[in-house]
């Protein structure tokens, strides 16, 4: 996924929020990409290097920057305009089933004869998926591309739950090259004319 991120940031000229489900995935990705960020000419911001408020301000003010963050950044973030025209979701946002409250809910559903995964985990994750997408378009003039790097959204039957939460928009699947080419074509429509 680090290679895809690198290629995506070339297409989007930075301007991306990348959301991870775990600190481990965020740290591994940052370790791989940080030494190379300067080659693309943008700043790589990482959750934890400053307060959330300061990090969001830096991300908003530095239009070409990229912000790597965990799932806590799916809500309550308002970055309208060109600073955020690419949202990249590393994995589908399923909650960790080993948390005590989550375990109790899933066990209760199972005791009642339900399917804990389909009856609770999928709908809850689909809501989080929609919340993540909501960071991308904050006002009528906003535009952007949303990348979900988790292939299950297309390959598993439950993926339709996630896609159904999105507003009406063009959906593209295919190889990385095909998806990035389509993203570049879309974003080019919003490039400022050279004067």
Protein backbone atom coordinates (compact mmCIF):
# COMPACT_ATOMS: atom_id res chain seq x y z
CA UNK A 1 0.00 0.00 0.00
CA UNK A 2 2.95 2.37 0.55
CA UNK A 3 3.73 2.17 -3.16
CA UNK A 4 0.13 3.01 -4.05
CA UNK A 5 0.15 5.98 -1.66
CA UNK A 6 3.32 7.30 -3.28
CA UNK A 7 1.76 7.03 -6.72
CA UNK A 8 -1.55 8.52 -5.56
CA UNK A 9 0.18 11.54 -4.02
CA UNK A 10 1.92 12.20 -7.32
CA UNK A 11 -1.50 12.29 -8.99
CA UNK A 12 -3.16 14.41 -6.30
CA UNK A 13 -0.08 16.63 -5.73
CA UNK A 14 -0.26 15.83 -2.02
CA UNK A 15 -3.53 17.31 -0.71
CA UNK A 16 -4.45 14.00 0.97
CA UNK A 17 -5.77 12.69 4.25
CA UNK A 18 -4.88 9.02 4.81
CA UNK A 19 -6.84 7.21 7.52
CA UNK A 20 -5.52 4.05 9.17
CA UNK A 21 -7.33 1.65 11.52
CA UNK A 22 -4.25 1.09 13.67
CA UNK A 23 -1.21 2.95 14.95
CA UNK A 24 0.98 0.08 13.75
CA UNK A 25 -0.09 0.48 10.11
CA UNK A 26 0.32 4.25 10.34
CA UNK A 27 3.84 4.00 11.79
CA UNK A 28 5.00 1.37 9.26
CA UNK A 29 3.73 3.45 6.37
CA UNK A 30 5.32 6.61 7.75
CA UNK A 31 8.68 4.88 8.22
CA UNK A 32 8.64 3.73 4.59
CA UNK A 33 7.52 7.01 3.02
CA UNK A 34 8.95 9.77 5.22
CA UNK A 35 12.49 9.64 3.76
CA UNK A 36 11.05 10.19 0.27
CA UNK A 37 8.37 12.85 0.87
CA UNK A 38 10.67 15.74 -0.05
CA UNK A 39 11.15 14.28 -3.53
CA UNK A 40 7.49 14.99 -4.24
CA UNK A 41 7.68 18.51 -2.87
CA UNK A 42 5.10 18.32 -0.11
CA UNK A 43 5.05 18.13 3.66
CA UNK A 44 4.17 14.85 5.35
CA UNK A 45 2.22 15.46 8.57
CA UNK A 46 1.66 12.66 11.08
CA UNK A 47 -0.80 12.33 13.92
CA UNK A 48 1.02 12.61 17.23
CA UNK A 49 3.69 15.10 16.15
CA UNK A 50 1.57 18.00 17.46
CA UNK A 51 -1.91 18.57 18.89
CA UNK A 52 -4.89 17.65 16.74
CA UNK A 53 -5.94 21.29 16.41
CA UNK A 54 -2.45 22.38 15.31
CA UNK A 55 -2.12 19.43 12.95
CA UNK A 56 -5.42 20.22 11.23
CA UNK A 57 -4.42 23.90 10.96
CA UNK A 58 -1.07 22.99 9.39
CA UNK A 59 -2.78 20.59 6.99
CA UNK A 60 -5.34 23.22 5.98
CA UNK A 61 -2.77 26.01 5.59
CA UNK A 62 -0.15 23.98 3.67
CA UNK A 63 -2.25 23.16 0.61
CA UNK A 64 0.00 20.45 -0.80
CA UNK A 65 0.58 18.59 2.48
CA UNK A 66 -0.42 15.02 3.32
CA UNK A 67 -1.77 13.99 6.72
CA UNK A 68 -1.45 10.44 8.04
CA UNK A 69 -3.89 9.77 10.89
CA UNK A 70 -5.87 7.07 12.66
CA UNK A 71 -9.61 6.52 12.68
CA UNK A 72 -10.20 9.28 15.25
CA UNK A 73 -9.84 11.73 12.36
CA UNK A 74 -12.92 10.31 10.61
CA UNK A 75 -15.12 12.76 12.51
CA UNK A 76 -15.06 16.41 13.51
CA UNK A 77 -12.52 17.55 10.94
CA UNK A 78 -13.43 20.40 8.66
CA UNK A 79 -10.89 21.10 5.91
CA UNK A 80 -12.81 22.64 3.02
CA UNK A 81 -11.12 23.63 -0.20
CA UNK A 82 -8.11 22.40 -2.09
CA UNK A 83 -6.06 21.27 0.93
CA UNK A 84 -8.15 18.09 1.07
CA UNK A 85 -9.03 16.77 -2.37
CA UNK A 86 -7.99 13.16 -1.74
CA UNK A 87 -9.11 10.91 1.06
CA UNK A 88 -7.47 7.51 1.31
CA UNK A 89 -8.89 4.82 3.55
CA UNK A 90 -6.26 2.18 4.31
CA UNK A 91 -8.70 -0.52 5.49
CA UNK A 92 -12.45 -0.81 5.97
CA UNK A 93 -13.18 0.68 9.41
CA UNK A 94 -14.23 -2.41 11.34
CA UNK A 95 -14.02 -1.98 15.12
CA UNK A 96 -11.67 -4.26 17.02
CA UNK A 97 -13.82 -7.18 18.26
CA UNK A 98 -11.59 -7.82 21.28
CA UNK A 99 -12.67 -4.67 23.15
CA UNK A 100 -14.84 -5.69 26.16
CA UNK A 101 -17.88 -3.59 25.19
CA UNK A 102 -17.69 -4.83 21.60
CA UNK A 103 -17.35 -8.46 22.75
CA UNK A 104 -20.45 -8.12 24.94
CA UNK A 105 -22.52 -6.66 22.08
CA UNK A 106 -21.49 -9.37 19.66
CA UNK A 107 -22.18 -12.13 22.20
CA UNK A 108 -25.64 -10.69 22.90
CA UNK A 109 -26.50 -10.68 19.19
CA UNK A 110 -25.30 -14.27 18.86
CA UNK A 111 -27.34 -15.41 21.90
CA UNK A 112 -30.41 -13.81 20.31
CA UNK A 113 -29.85 -15.89 17.16
CA UNK A 114 -28.37 -13.13 15.03
CA UNK A 115 -25.19 -12.90 13.01
CA UNK A 116 -22.80 -10.60 14.91
CA UNK A 117 -20.81 -9.77 11.80
CA UNK A 118 -23.68 -8.96 9.43
CA UNK A 119 -26.06 -7.58 12.05
CA UNK A 120 -23.62 -5.32 13.88
CA UNK A 121 -20.03 -5.18 12.60
CA UNK A 122 -20.86 -4.46 8.95
CA UNK A 123 -23.52 -1.75 9.59
CA UNK A 124 -21.30 -0.02 12.20
CA UNK A 125 -18.29 -0.09 9.87
CA UNK A 126 -20.43 1.17 6.97
CA UNK A 127 -21.42 4.22 9.05
CA UNK A 128 -17.74 4.88 9.81
CA UNK A 129 -16.96 4.50 6.10
CA UNK A 130 -19.57 7.17 5.30
CA UNK A 131 -18.15 9.44 8.02
CA UNK A 132 -14.69 9.11 6.50
CA UNK A 133 -16.04 10.03 3.07
CA UNK A 134 -17.72 13.04 4.68
CA UNK A 135 -14.31 14.60 5.43
CA UNK A 136 -13.74 15.00 1.69
CA UNK A 137 -16.68 17.14 0.62
CA UNK A 138 -17.40 19.92 3.13
CA UNK A 139 -19.08 22.52 0.89
CA UNK A 140 -20.65 22.78 -2.57
CA UNK A 141 -17.46 23.96 -4.26
CA UNK A 142 -15.33 21.07 -2.89
CA UNK A 143 -14.14 18.25 -5.11
CA UNK A 144 -12.04 15.18 -4.59
CA UNK A 145 -11.27 11.53 -4.99
CA UNK A 146 -11.82 8.83 -2.39
CA UNK A 147 -9.58 5.77 -2.47
CA UNK A 148 -10.42 2.67 -0.44
CA UNK A 149 -7.37 0.39 -0.41
CA UNK A 150 -9.29 -2.53 1.11
CA UNK A 151 -10.26 -4.80 -1.78
CA UNK A 152 -13.05 -6.37 0.27
CA UNK A 153 -15.25 -3.38 -0.59
CA UNK A 154 -15.38 -4.82 -4.14
CA UNK A 155 -14.70 -8.52 -3.64
CA UNK A 156 -16.98 -9.41 -0.70
CA UNK A 157 -20.73 -9.38 -0.75
CA UNK A 158 -20.83 -7.13 2.32
CA UNK A 159 -18.98 -4.47 0.29
CA UNK A 160 -22.30 -3.36 -1.16
CA UNK A 161 -23.31 -2.08 2.31
CA UNK A 162 -20.35 0.28 2.25
CA UNK A 163 -20.83 1.51 -1.28
CA UNK A 164 -24.53 2.14 -0.62
CA UNK A 165 -23.63 4.72 2.06
CA UNK A 166 -21.87 6.98 -0.44
CA UNK A 167 -23.65 9.84 -2.19
CA UNK A 168 -24.22 9.59 -5.90
CA UNK A 169 -20.79 9.71 -7.50
CA UNK A 170 -18.72 7.90 -10.09
CA UNK A 171 -17.20 4.69 -8.75
CA UNK A 172 -14.11 3.22 -10.39
CA UNK A 173 -12.44 -0.11 -9.71
CA UNK A 174 -9.60 -1.83 -11.48
CA UNK A 175 -5.85 -2.00 -11.35
CA UNK A 176 -3.93 0.69 -9.48
CA UNK A 177 -2.85 2.14 -12.80
CA UNK A 178 -6.43 2.33 -14.10
CA UNK A 179 -7.81 3.87 -10.91
CA UNK A 180 -5.03 6.47 -10.69
CA UNK A 181 -5.39 7.39 -14.35
CA UNK A 182 -9.11 8.02 -13.81
CA UNK A 183 -8.39 10.04 -10.64
CA UNK A 184 -5.86 12.16 -12.52
CA UNK A 185 -8.33 12.75 -15.33
CA UNK A 186 -10.97 13.85 -12.81
CA UNK A 187 -8.67 16.16 -10.82
CA UNK A 188 -7.29 17.77 -13.96
CA UNK A 189 -10.74 19.27 -14.58
CA UNK A 190 -10.25 21.43 -11.50
CA UNK A 191 -6.71 22.63 -12.21
CA UNK A 192 -6.35 26.37 -12.32
CA UNK A 193 -5.56 27.62 -15.82
CA UNK A 194 -2.00 28.80 -16.29
CA UNK A 195 -1.89 32.56 -16.87
